[in-house]
C-alpha atoms as a PDB file:
ATOM      1  CA  UNK A   1     -16.068   0.416  38.207  1.00  0.00           C
ATOM      2  CA  UNK A   2     -16.509   3.160  35.422  1.00  0.00           C
ATOM      3  CA  UNK A   3     -14.968   6.858  34.442  1.00  0.00           C
ATOM      4  CA  UNK A   4     -17.322   9.456  33.901  1.00  0.00           C
ATOM      5  CA  UNK A   5     -16.167  11.784  31.283  1.00  0.00           C
ATOM      6  CA  UNK A   6     -16.717  15.590  32.539  1.00  0.00           C
ATOM      7  CA  UNK A   7     -14.816  16.619  29.686  1.00  0.00           C
ATOM      8  CA  UNK A   8     -13.727  14.830  26.471  1.00  0.00           C
ATOM      9  CA  UNK A   9     -10.737  16.704  25.618  1.00  0.00           C
ATOM     10  CA  UNK A  10     -10.226  17.142  21.515  1.00  0.00           C
ATOM     11  CA  UNK A  11      -9.782  13.873  20.374  1.00  0.00           C
ATOM     12  CA  UNK A  12      -9.720  11.003  23.148  1.00  0.00           C
ATOM     13  CA  UNK A  13     -10.325   7.422  21.907  1.00  0.00           C
ATOM     14  CA  UNK A  14     -10.324   3.859  23.367  1.00  0.00           C
ATOM     15  CA  UNK A  15      -7.179   2.356  21.939  1.00  0.00           C
ATOM     16  CA  UNK A  16      -5.433  -1.076  22.396  1.00  0.00           C
ATOM     17  CA  UNK A  17      -2.477  -2.673  20.038  1.00  0.00           C
ATOM     18  CA  UNK A  18      -5.114  -2.845  16.991  1.00  0.00           C
ATOM     19  CA  UNK A  19      -6.961  -5.374  14.841  1.00  0.00           C
ATOM     20  CA  UNK A  20      -4.463  -6.573  12.212  1.00  0.00           C
ATOM     21  CA  UNK A  21      -5.892  -8.971  10.141  1.00  0.00           C
ATOM     22  CA  UNK A  22      -8.544  -7.138   7.896  1.00  0.00           C
ATOM     23  CA  UNK A  23      -6.732  -5.030   6.445  1.00  0.00           C
ATOM     24  CA  UNK A  24      -7.398  -6.659   3.220  1.00  0.00           C
ATOM     25  CA  UNK A  25     -11.096  -6.250   3.532  1.00  0.00           C
ATOM     26  CA  UNK A  26     -10.682  -2.806   3.858  1.00  0.00           C
ATOM     27  CA  UNK A  27     -10.434  -2.377   7.684  1.00  0.00           C
ATOM     28  CA  UNK A  28      -7.224  -0.701   8.758  1.00  0.00           C
ATOM     29  CA  UNK A  29      -5.398  -1.370  11.797  1.00  0.00           C
ATOM     30  CA  UNK A  30      -6.406   1.118  13.817  1.00  0.00           C
ATOM     31  CA  UNK A  31      -4.889   1.025  17.690  1.00  0.00           C
ATOM     32  CA  UNK A  32      -2.363   3.415  19.763  1.00  0.00           C
ATOM     33  CA  UNK A  33      -0.039   5.497  17.442  1.00  0.00           C
ATOM     34  CA  UNK A  34       2.337   4.912  19.559  1.00  0.00           C
ATOM     35  CA  UNK A  35       2.321   1.777  20.376  1.00  0.00           C
ATOM     36  CA  UNK A  36       5.478   1.448  22.733  1.00  0.00           C
ATOM     37  CA  UNK A  37       4.288   4.445  24.873  1.00  0.00           C
ATOM     38  CA  UNK A  38       0.458   2.913  25.221  1.00  0.00           C
ATOM     39  CA  UNK A  39       2.480  -0.670  26.047  1.00  0.00           C
ATOM     40  CA  UNK A  40       4.405   1.192  29.078  1.00  0.00           C
ATOM     41  CA  UNK A  41       1.396   2.656  30.189  1.00  0.00           C
ATOM     42  CA  UNK A  42      -0.594  -0.573  30.795  1.00  0.00           C
ATOM     43  CA  UNK A  43       2.658  -2.016  32.438  1.00  0.00           C
ATOM     44  CA  UNK A  44       3.119   0.484  34.919  1.00  0.00           C
ATOM     45  CA  UNK A  45      -0.527  -0.510  36.419  1.00  0.00           C
ATOM     46  CA  UNK A  46      -0.207  -3.952  35.931  1.00  0.00           C
ATOM     47  CA  UNK A  47      -2.195  -4.957  32.685  1.00  0.00           C
ATOM     48  CA  UNK A  48      -1.563  -6.795  29.508  1.00  0.00           C
ATOM     49  CA  UNK A  49       0.271  -4.886  27.385  1.00  0.00           C
ATOM     50  CA  UNK A  50      -2.276  -4.877  24.695  1.00  0.00           C
ATOM     51  CA  UNK A  51      -5.001  -3.882  27.239  1.00  0.00           C
ATOM     52  CA  UNK A  52      -7.462  -0.840  26.225  1.00  0.00           C
ATOM     53  CA  UNK A  53      -6.249   2.462  26.942  1.00  0.00           C
ATOM     54  CA  UNK A  54      -7.410   6.103  26.429  1.00  0.00           C
ATOM     55  CA  UNK A  55      -5.135   7.867  23.658  1.00  0.00           C
ATOM     56  CA  UNK A  56      -5.674  11.737  23.782  1.00  0.00           C
ATOM     57  CA  UNK A  57      -4.455  14.363  21.702  1.00  0.00           C
ATOM     58  CA  UNK A  58      -3.047  17.534  21.952  1.00  0.00           C
ATOM     59  CA  UNK A  59      -5.279  18.051  24.979  1.00  0.00           C
ATOM     60  CA  UNK A  60      -6.576  15.817  28.069  1.00  0.00           C
ATOM     61  CA  UNK A  61     -10.272  14.931  29.199  1.00  0.00           C
ATOM     62  CA  UNK A  62     -11.392  15.874  32.223  1.00  0.00           C
ATOM     63  CA  UNK A  63     -12.279  12.337  33.937  1.00  0.00           C
ATOM     64  CA  UNK A  64     -13.787  11.398  37.488  1.00  0.00           C
ATOM     65  CA  UNK A  65     -13.335   8.003  39.540  1.00  0.00           C
ATOM     66  CA  UNK A  66     -16.250   5.866  40.596  1.00  0.00           C
ATOM     67  CA  UNK A  67     -14.419   3.627  42.930  1.00  0.00           C
ATOM     68  CA  UNK A  68     -10.107   3.406  44.191  1.00  0.00           C
ATOM     69  CA  UNK A  69      -7.942   2.738  40.843  1.00  0.00           C
ATOM     70  CA  UNK A  70      -4.188   2.643  39.611  1.00  0.00           C
ATOM     71  CA  UNK A  71      -3.358   4.948  36.834  1.00  0.00           C
ATOM     72  CA  UNK A  72      -0.766   6.041  34.729  1.00  0.00           C
ATOM     73  CA  UNK A  73       0.138   8.341  31.901  1.00  0.00           C
ATOM     74  CA  UNK A  74       2.909   7.981  29.141  1.00  0.00           C
ATOM     75  CA  UNK A  75       3.465   9.093  25.652  1.00  0.00           C
ATOM     76  CA  UNK A  76       3.177  13.062  25.200  1.00  0.00           C
ATOM     77  CA  UNK A  77       3.764  15.559  28.450  1.00  0.00           C
ATOM     78  CA  UNK A  78       0.706  16.240  29.123  1.00  0.00           C
ATOM     79  CA  UNK A  79       0.983  17.246  32.983  1.00  0.00           C
ATOM     80  CA  UNK A  80      -2.040  15.075  35.050  1.00  0.00           C
ATOM     81  CA  UNK A  81      -3.688  16.739  37.686  1.00  0.00           C
ATOM     82  CA  UNK A  82      -5.776  14.831  40.369  1.00  0.00           C
ATOM     83  CA  UNK A  83      -8.303  16.959  41.888  1.00  0.00           C
ATOM     84  CA  UNK A  84      -5.982  20.063  40.790  1.00  0.00           C
ATOM     85  CA  UNK A  85      -3.020  18.587  42.171  1.00  0.00           C
ATOM     86  CA  UNK A  86       0.088  17.707  39.780  1.00  0.00           C
ATOM     87  CA  UNK A  87       1.133  14.005  39.205  1.00  0.00           C
ATOM     88  CA  UNK A  88       3.998  13.085  37.679  1.00  0.00           C
ATOM     89  CA  UNK A  89       3.860  11.261  33.122  1.00  0.00           C
ATOM     90  CA  UNK A  90       5.438   7.995  33.034  1.00  0.00           C
ATOM     91  CA  UNK A  91       4.900   6.845  36.796  1.00  0.00           C
ATOM     92  CA  UNK A  92       1.621   5.111  38.245  1.00  0.00           C
ATOM     93  CA  UNK A  93      -0.342   6.878  40.731  1.00  0.00           C
ATOM     94  CA  UNK A  94      -3.249   6.277  43.160  1.00  0.00           C
ATOM     95  CA  UNK A  95      -6.400   7.371  42.615  1.00  0.00           C
ATOM     96  CA  UNK A  96      -9.348   7.162  44.882  1.00  0.00           C
ATOM     97  CA  UNK A  97     -13.031   6.859  44.086  1.00  0.00           C
ATOM     98  CA  UNK A  98     -14.461  10.540  43.217  1.00  0.00           C
ATOM     99  CA  UNK A  99     -11.451  12.070  42.636  1.00  0.00           C
ATOM    100  CA  UNK A 100     -11.282  14.104  39.086  1.00  0.00           C
ATOM    101  CA  UNK A 101      -8.456  13.570  36.822  1.00  0.00           C
ATOM    102  CA  UNK A 102      -7.299  16.480  34.585  1.00  0.00           C
ATOM    103  CA  UNK A 103      -4.865  17.731  32.281  1.00  0.00           C
ATOM    104  CA  UNK A 104      -2.526  21.115  31.905  1.00  0.00           C
ATOM    105  CA  UNK A 105      -1.333  22.198  29.086  1.00  0.00           C
ATOM    106  CA  UNK A 106       0.748  19.980  26.401  1.00  0.00           C
ATOM    107  CA  UNK A 107       4.196  20.722  26.890  1.00  0.00           C
ATOM    108  CA  UNK A 108       5.650  18.075  24.485  1.00  0.00           C
ATOM    109  CA  UNK A 109       4.626  15.449  21.837  1.00  0.00           C
ATOM    110  CA  UNK A 110       1.431  14.952  20.919  1.00  0.00           C
ATOM    111  CA  UNK A 111      -0.579  12.302  21.899  1.00  0.00           C
ATOM    112  CA  UNK A 112      -0.503  10.758  25.694  1.00  0.00           C
ATOM    113  CA  UNK A 113      -1.723   7.671  26.591  1.00  0.00           C
ATOM    114  CA  UNK A 114      -4.265   7.417  29.864  1.00  0.00           C
ATOM    115  CA  UNK A 115      -3.909   3.475  31.452  1.00  0.00           C
ATOM    116  CA  UNK A 116      -6.188   2.431  34.378  1.00  0.00           C
ATOM    117  CA  UNK A 117      -5.663  -0.671  36.183  1.00  0.00           C
ATOM    118  CA  UNK A 118      -8.083  -3.387  34.613  1.00  0.00           C
ATOM    119  CA  UNK A 119      -8.409  -1.572  31.140  1.00  0.00           C
ATOM    120  CA  UNK A 120     -11.154  -0.258  29.494  1.00  0.00           C
ATOM    121  CA  UNK A 121     -13.693  -2.511  29.127  1.00  0.00           C
ATOM    122  CA  UNK A 122     -15.609  -1.740  25.824  1.00  0.00           C
ATOM    123  CA  UNK A 123     -17.076  -4.685  23.514  1.00  0.00           C
ATOM    124  CA  UNK A 124     -14.269  -6.310  21.567  1.00  0.00           C
ATOM    125  CA  UNK A 125     -14.770  -5.948  17.409  1.00  0.00           C
ATOM    126  CA  UNK A 126     -12.468  -7.845  15.350  1.00  0.00           C
ATOM    127  CA  UNK A 127     -10.860  -9.289  18.834  1.00  0.00           C
ATOM    128  CA  UNK A 128      -9.920  -5.733  19.360  1.00  0.00           C
ATOM    129  CA  UNK A 129     -11.138  -2.834  21.517  1.00  0.00           C
ATOM    130  CA  UNK A 130      -9.832   0.248  19.735  1.00  0.00           C
ATOM    131  CA  UNK A 131     -12.205   2.666  17.559  1.00  0.00           C
ATOM    132  CA  UNK A 132     -12.199   3.342  13.947  1.00  0.00           C
ATOM    133  CA  UNK A 133     -13.786   6.233  13.562  1.00  0.00           C
ATOM    134  CA  UNK A 134     -14.007   6.557  10.421  1.00  0.00           C
ATOM    135  CA  UNK A 135     -15.682   3.456   9.920  1.00  0.00           C
ATOM    136  CA  UNK A 136     -17.902   3.534  13.527  1.00  0.00           C
ATOM    137  CA  UNK A 137     -16.296   0.407  14.725  1.00  0.00           C
ATOM    138  CA  UNK A 138     -15.185  -0.413  17.960  1.00  0.00           C
ATOM    139  CA  UNK A 139     -14.017   1.871  21.179  1.00  0.00           C
ATOM    140  CA  UNK A 140     -16.785   3.146  22.678  1.00  0.00           C
ATOM    141  CA  UNK A 141     -19.860   3.337  20.611  1.00  0.00           C
ATOM    142  CA  UNK A 142     -16.977   3.567  17.590  1.00  0.00           C
ATOM    143  CA  UNK A 143     -16.078   7.045  18.078  1.00  0.00           C
ATOM    144  CA  UNK A 144     -14.400   9.966  19.907  1.00  0.00           C
ATOM    145  CA  UNK A 145     -15.777  10.347  23.773  1.00  0.00           C
ATOM    146  CA  UNK A 146     -18.133  12.648  24.613  1.00  0.00           C
ATOM    147  CA  UNK A 147     -19.025  14.830  27.525  1.00  0.00           C
ATOM    148  CA  UNK A 148     -21.399  12.713  29.538  1.00  0.00           C
ATOM    149  CA  UNK A 149     -19.878   9.065  28.553  1.00  0.00           C
ATOM    150  CA  UNK A 150     -19.218   6.431  31.038  1.00  0.00           C
ATOM    151  CA  UNK A 151     -16.511   3.897  30.569  1.00  0.00           C
ATOM    152  CA  UNK A 152     -16.703   0.806  31.880  1.00  0.00           C
ATOM    153  CA  UNK A 153     -13.401  -0.534  34.182  1.00  0.00           C
ATOM    154  CA  UNK A 154     -12.536  -4.455  33.903  1.00  0.00           C
ATOM    155  CA  UNK A 155     -11.179  -6.137  36.902  1.00  0.00           C
ATOM    156  CA  UNK A 156      -7.717  -5.445  37.691  1.00  0.00           C
ATOM    157  CA  UNK A 157      -5.091  -8.584  38.245  1.00  0.00           C
ATOM    158  CA  UNK A 158      -2.589  -8.849  40.223  1.00  0.00           C
ATOM    159  CA  UNK A 159      -2.203  -5.647  42.565  1.00  0.00           C
ATOM    160  CA  UNK A 160       0.975  -3.896  41.650  1.00  0.00           C
ATOM    161  CA  UNK A 161       2.597  -1.113  43.857  1.00  0.00           C
ATOM    162  CA  UNK A 162       2.061   2.566  43.062  1.00  0.00           C
ATOM    163  CA  UNK A 163       4.992   5.198  42.013  1.00  0.00           C
ATOM    164  CA  UNK A 164       6.526   2.491  39.416  1.00  0.00           C
ATOM    165  CA  UNK A 165       8.099   5.017  36.788  1.00  0.00           C
ATOM    166  CA  UNK A 166       9.621   4.457  33.374  1.00  0.00           C
ATOM    167  CA  UNK A 167      13.282   5.965  33.026  1.00  0.00           C
ATOM    168  CA  UNK A 168      13.865   8.893  30.567  1.00  0.00           C
ATOM    169  CA  UNK A 169      15.910   6.494  28.294  1.00  0.00           C
ATOM    170  CA  UNK A 170      13.405   3.544  27.898  1.00  0.00           C
ATOM    171  CA  UNK A 171      10.771   5.773  26.515  1.00  0.00           C
ATOM    172  CA  UNK A 172      11.388   5.710  22.836  1.00  0.00           C
ATOM    173  CA  UNK A 173      10.527   9.298  22.328  1.00  0.00           C
ATOM    174  CA  UNK A 174      11.996  11.767  19.405  1.00  0.00           C
ATOM    175  CA  UNK A 175      15.142  12.845  20.358  1.00  0.00           C
ATOM    176  CA  UNK A 176      17.013  15.303  17.976  1.00  0.00           C
ATOM    177  CA  UNK A 177      15.464  17.833  15.629  1.00  0.00           C
ATOM    178  CA  UNK A 178      14.935  17.540  13.112  1.00  0.00           C
ATOM    179  CA  UNK A 179      13.310  14.497  13.553  1.00  0.00           C
ATOM    180  CA  UNK A 180      14.737  11.475  11.174  1.00  0.00           C
ATOM    181  CA  UNK A 181      12.291   8.703   9.884  1.00  0.00           C
ATOM    182  CA  UNK A 182      13.633   6.080   7.805  1.00  0.00           C
ATOM    183  CA  UNK A 183      11.959   4.996   4.772  1.00  0.00           C
ATOM    184  CA  UNK A 184      12.854   2.217   2.299  1.00  0.00           C
ATOM    185  CA  UNK A 185      11.889   3.520  -1.199  1.00  0.00           C
ATOM    186  CA  UNK A 186       9.266   1.432  -2.485  1.00  0.00           C
ATOM    187  CA  UNK A 187       7.678  -0.635  -6.329  1.00  0.00           C
ATOM    188  CA  UNK A 188       7.253   3.230  -7.630  1.00  0.00           C
ATOM    189  CA  UNK A 189      10.404   4.784  -6.874  1.00  0.00           C
ATOM    190  CA  UNK A 190      11.239   4.318 -10.618  1.00  0.00           C
ATOM    191  CA  UNK A 191       8.406   6.697 -11.547  1.00  0.00           C
ATOM    192  CA  UNK A 192      10.098   9.856  -9.996  1.00  0.00           C
ATOM    193  CA  UNK A 193      13.691  11.662 -11.291  1.00  0.00           C
ATOM    194  CA  UNK A 194      16.915  10.526  -9.645  1.00  0.00           C
ATOM    195  CA  UNK A 195      17.536  14.699  -8.641  1.00  0.00           C
ATOM    196  CA  UNK A 196      13.894  14.430  -7.287  1.00  0.00           C
ATOM    197  CA  UNK A 197      14.774  11.020  -5.414  1.00  0.00           C
ATOM    198  CA  UNK A 198      17.589  12.892  -3.847  1.00  0.00           C
ATOM    199  CA  UNK A 199      15.620  15.930  -2.976  1.00  0.00           C
ATOM    200  CA  UNK A 200      12.995  14.363  -1.159  1.00  0.00           C
ATOM    201  CA  UNK A 201      16.139  12.247   1.131  1.00  0.00           C
ATOM    202  CA  UNK A 202      18.239  15.667   1.253  1.00  0.00           C
ATOM    203  CA  UNK A 203      15.754  18.345   2.043  1.00  0.00           C
ATOM    204  CA  UNK A 204      13.704  19.014   5.196  1.00  0.00           C
ATOM    205  CA  UNK A 205      10.117  18.935   5.753  1.00  0.00           C
ATOM    206  CA  UNK A 206       7.325  19.924   8.353  1.00  0.00           C
ATOM    207  CA  UNK A 207       4.745  18.329   9.892  1.00  0.00           C
ATOM    208  CA  UNK A 208       1.322  20.243   8.318  1.00  0.00           C
ATOM    209  CA  UNK A 209      -1.473  20.870  10.291  1.00  0.00           C
ATOM    210  CA  UNK A 210      -3.083  17.909   8.461  1.00  0.00           C
ATOM    211  CA  UNK A 211      -1.892  15.583  10.556  1.00  0.00           C
ATOM    212  CA  UNK A 212      -4.281  12.643  12.312  1.00  0.00           C
ATOM    213  CA  UNK A 213      -4.909   8.588  12.324  1.00  0.00           C
ATOM    214  CA  UNK A 214      -5.270   8.628   9.390  1.00  0.00           C
ATOM    215  CA  UNK A 215      -2.061   9.713   7.921  1.00  0.00           C
ATOM    216  CA  UNK A 216       0.557  12.880   8.274  1.00  0.00           C
ATOM    217  CA  UNK A 217       0.953  14.970   5.675  1.00  0.00           C
ATOM    218  CA  UNK A 218       4.266  16.913   4.908  1.00  0.00           C
ATOM    219  CA  UNK A 219       5.366  20.155   3.385  1.00  0.00           C
ATOM    220  CA  UNK A 220       7.914  22.583   2.968  1.00  0.00           C
ATOM    221  CA  UNK A 221      10.551  20.120   0.389  1.00  0.00           C
ATOM    222  CA  UNK A 222      10.669  20.246  -3.010  1.00  0.00           C
ATOM    223  CA  UNK A 223       8.029  19.047  -5.374  1.00  0.00           C
ATOM    224  CA  UNK A 224       8.807  15.887  -7.291  1.00  0.00           C
ATOM    225  CA  UNK A 225       9.876  15.236 -10.840  1.00  0.00           C
ATOM    226  CA  UNK A 226       8.561  12.563 -12.461  1.00  0.00           C
ATOM    227  CA  UNK A 227       9.929  10.178 -15.362  1.00  0.00           C
ATOM    228  CA  UNK A 228       7.645  11.130 -18.818  1.00  0.00           C
ATOM    229  CA  UNK A 229       4.633   8.069 -19.575  1.00  0.00           C
ATOM    230  CA  UNK A 230       2.099   7.338 -21.459  1.00  0.00           C
ATOM    231  CA  UNK A 231      -0.606   6.859 -18.375  1.00  0.00           C
ATOM    232  CA  UNK A 232      -1.694   2.758 -17.614  1.00  0.00           C
ATOM    233  CA  UNK A 233      -5.235   2.076 -18.625  1.00  0.00           C
ATOM    234  CA  UNK A 234      -6.907   2.520 -15.535  1.00  0.00           C
ATOM    235  CA  UNK A 235      -4.700   5.451 -14.477  1.00  0.00           C
ATOM    236  CA  UNK A 236      -5.686   9.087 -14.353  1.00  0.00           C
ATOM    237  CA  UNK A 237      -3.492  11.663 -16.504  1.00  0.00           C
ATOM    238  CA  UNK A 238      -1.606  13.181 -13.299  1.00  0.00           C
ATOM    239  CA  UNK A 239       2.157  11.250 -13.250  1.00  0.00           C
ATOM    240  CA  UNK A 240       1.294  10.402  -9.378  1.00  0.00           C
ATOM    241  CA  UNK A 241      -1.477   8.352 -10.479  1.00  0.00           C
ATOM    242  CA  UNK A 242      -1.463   4.955 -10.531  1.00  0.00           C
ATOM    243  CA  UNK A 243      -3.513   1.671 -11.410  1.00  0.00           C
ATOM    244  CA  UNK A 244      -5.019   1.426  -7.901  1.00  0.00           C
ATOM    245  CA  UNK A 245      -2.949  -0.649  -5.896  1.00  0.00           C
ATOM    246  CA  UNK A 246      -2.737  -1.668  -1.613  1.00  0.00           C
ATOM    247  CA  UNK A 247      -1.154   0.793   0.634  1.00  0.00           C
ATOM    248  CA  UNK A 248       1.143  -0.763   3.453  1.00  0.00           C
ATOM    249  CA  UNK A 249       1.067   0.680   6.593  1.00  0.00           C
ATOM    250  CA  UNK A 250       3.770   3.619   6.671  1.00  0.00           C
ATOM    251  CA  UNK A 251       3.762   4.372   2.763  1.00  0.00           C
ATOM    252  CA  UNK A 252       4.236   7.741   2.048  1.00  0.00           C
ATOM    253  CA  UNK A 253       1.955   8.606  -1.164  1.00  0.00           C
ATOM    254  CA  UNK A 254       2.747  12.056  -3.041  1.00  0.00           C
ATOM    255  CA  UNK A 255      -0.565  13.095  -4.498  1.00  0.00           C
ATOM    256  CA  UNK A 256       0.643  15.655  -7.449  1.00  0.00           C
ATOM    257  CA  UNK A 257       4.382  15.166  -6.434  1.00  0.00           C
ATOM    258  CA  UNK A 258       4.195  17.777  -3.772  1.00  0.00           C
ATOM    259  CA  UNK A 259       3.475  17.064  -0.278  1.00  0.00           C
ATOM    260  CA  UNK A 260       3.908  13.322   1.189  1.00  0.00           C
ATOM    261  CA  UNK A 261       1.522  11.813   3.064  1.00  0.00           C
ATOM    262  CA  UNK A 262       2.711   8.887   5.618  1.00  0.00           C
ATOM    263  CA  UNK A 263      -0.341   6.800   6.290  1.00  0.00           C
ATOM    264  CA  UNK A 264      -0.859   5.637   9.762  1.00  0.00           C
ATOM    265  CA  UNK A 265      -3.246   3.556  11.797  1.00  0.00           C
ATOM    266  CA  UNK A 266      -6.379   4.286  10.202  1.00  0.00           C
ATOM    267  CA  UNK A 267      -5.550   4.685   7.032  1.00  0.00           C
ATOM    268  CA  UNK A 268      -7.344   3.618   3.857  1.00  0.00           C
ATOM    269  CA  UNK A 269      -5.892   0.499   2.434  1.00  0.00           C
ATOM    270  CA  UNK A 270      -5.352   1.011  -1.331  1.00  0.00           C
ATOM    271  CA  UNK A 271      -6.217   3.983  -4.095  1.00  0.00           C
ATOM    272  CA  UNK A 272      -4.425   5.439  -6.978  1.00  0.00           C
ATOM    273  CA  UNK A 273      -1.484   7.302  -5.924  1.00  0.00           C
ATOM    274  CA  UNK A 274       1.796   6.391  -6.409  1.00  0.00           C
ATOM    275  CA  UNK A 275       4.270   5.579  -3.546  1.00  0.00           C
ATOM    276  CA  UNK A 276       7.401   6.943  -3.024  1.00  0.00           C
ATOM    277  CA  UNK A 277       8.364   4.546  -0.190  1.00  0.00           C
ATOM    278  CA  UNK A 278       7.338   3.496   3.431  1.00  0.00           C
ATOM    279  CA  UNK A 279       8.276   4.327   6.844  1.00  0.00           C
ATOM    280  CA  UNK A 280       9.971   1.696   7.888  1.00  0.00           C
ATOM    281  CA  UNK A 281       7.819  -0.056  11.551  1.00  0.00           C
ATOM    282  CA  UNK A 282      10.443   1.085  14.131  1.00  0.00           C
ATOM    283  CA  UNK A 283       9.766   4.910  13.085  1.00  0.00           C
ATOM    284  CA  UNK A 284       6.153   4.745  13.030  1.00  0.00           C
ATOM    285  CA  UNK A 285       5.383   5.510  16.608  1.00  0.00           C
ATOM    286  CA  UNK A 286       7.478   8.592  16.580  1.00  0.00           C
ATOM    287  CA  UNK A 287       5.342   9.851  14.166  1.00  0.00           C
ATOM    288  CA  UNK A 288       2.288  10.019  16.326  1.00  0.00           C
ATOM    289  CA  UNK A 289       4.142  12.066  18.912  1.00  0.00           C
ATOM    290  CA  UNK A 290       4.983  14.780  15.973  1.00  0.00           C
ATOM    291  CA  UNK A 291       3.062  18.328  16.460  1.00  0.00           C
ATOM    292  CA  UNK A 292       2.368  20.454  13.418  1.00  0.00           C
ATOM    293  CA  UNK A 293       5.312  22.298  12.054  1.00  0.00           C
ATOM    294  CA  UNK A 294       8.162  20.255  13.392  1.00  0.00           C
ATOM    295  CA  UNK A 295      10.842  19.637  11.195  1.00  0.00           C
ATOM    296  CA  UNK A 296      11.638  16.153   9.612  1.00  0.00           C
ATOM    297  CA  UNK A 297      14.029  14.767   7.430  1.00  0.00           C
ATOM    298  CA  UNK A 298      13.473  11.340   6.015  1.00  0.00           C
ATOM    299  CA  UNK A 299      16.476   9.191   5.704  1.00  0.00           C
ATOM    300  CA  UNK A 300      17.090   6.538   3.303  1.00  0.00           C
ATOM    301  CA  UNK A 301      17.528   3.099   4.455  1.00  0.00           C
ATOM    302  CA  UNK A 302      17.301  -0.940   3.196  1.00  0.00           C
ATOM    303  CA  UNK A 303      16.221  -3.851   4.414  1.00  0.00           C
ATOM    304  CA  UNK A 304      19.591  -4.730   6.933  1.00  0.00           C
ATOM    305  CA  UNK A 305      18.814  -1.300   8.522  1.00  0.00           C
ATOM    306  CA  UNK A 306      15.206  -1.790   8.794  1.00  0.00           C
ATOM    307  CA  UNK A 307      15.172  -5.250  10.561  1.00  0.00           C
ATOM    308  CA  UNK A 308      18.059  -4.486  12.439  1.00  0.00           C
ATOM    309  CA  UNK A 309      15.590  -0.723  13.502  1.00  0.00           C
ATOM    310  CA  UNK A 310      12.981  -3.242  14.294  1.00  0.00           C
ATOM    311  CA  UNK A 311      15.099  -5.598  16.504  1.00  0.00           C
ATOM    312  CA  UNK A 312      16.093  -2.815  18.635  1.00  0.00           C
ATOM    313  CA  UNK A 313      12.797  -0.969  19.116  1.00  0.00           C
ATOM    314  CA  UNK A 314      11.550  -4.725  20.521  1.00  0.00           C
ATOM    315  CA  UNK A 315      14.829  -4.648  22.565  1.00  0.00           C
ATOM    316  CA  UNK A 316      13.931  -1.417  23.788  1.00  0.00           C
ATOM    317  CA  UNK A 317      10.206  -3.126  24.766  1.00  0.00           C
ATOM    318  CA  UNK A 318      11.915  -5.816  26.712  1.00  0.00           C
ATOM    319  CA  UNK A 319      13.903  -3.758  28.805  1.00  0.00           C
ATOM    320  CA  UNK A 320      10.513  -1.838  29.909  1.00  0.00           C
ATOM    321  CA  UNK A 321       9.188  -4.971  30.598  1.00  0.00           C
ATOM    322  CA  UNK A 322      12.271  -6.464  32.405  1.00  0.00           C
ATOM    323  CA  UNK A 323      12.707  -2.993  34.440  1.00  0.00           C
ATOM    324  CA  UNK A 324       8.823  -3.211  35.301  1.00  0.00           C
ATOM    325  CA  UNK A 325       8.734  -6.979  35.994  1.00  0.00           C
END
């Protein structure tokens, strides 16, 4: 079985839960930017949580199926249509051979996840089928989809019933405005003044147009003021420069002290910009669903709160597994 790409959408790629373990040699995690939505889509069609799916950004693709299939779309509210007839998101539905799946205009969120029973069966690269387009690695030929591509689908496991859905309270999507992103201050927090630190957390920022799989840029808050210093050997003259260091997933670099950038799934693993802190793991999925101009507040937390949030996020996934068991 295969699916034919009639229209690729804006930036549709094959993603699974990523390829951890290679960050130290400069190969990023990749994988779905909203891991919870990706896992939910797979569970709806009877796949393992980490099976490969399609991640569609802002605009969905148009796909033709060469055989019968079970499909589910989660994440952003990107309304699916089967031969022009509307279907529900967060609900599995059957597709017959020759039918075409397309999408209406985006209504909420940023990234939709299209799971097909059996999973997208592209080759494993370093243990993952995820696309790292910047490095031409994984996915379908190491790139986003193009018209004319044919994606192989694996063999489906035990059949599951169509029409199963995920309740709204188990979807884990951003709720309030402005969206709150919890942050642990980082190793370089001492580089900014107390006033600048307070302003970073008290101000409202907005997602900039430069928001992609590499990182999300934010604008509109107060520029950071730096503590005076003599630049250390190996660092640049700008006060936001440091001697090259590793960048954790979720770390927030602020070049020139003006526009924070949260590094995401395809980010580089190190460089010479200071990091004001790191967005906690529990909130990284939320970033993947933020559209440009969405208002955001950064909220200061400590390790205990970060661990509690991670536990809560894991419990949400546990409830989802139970509901779809």
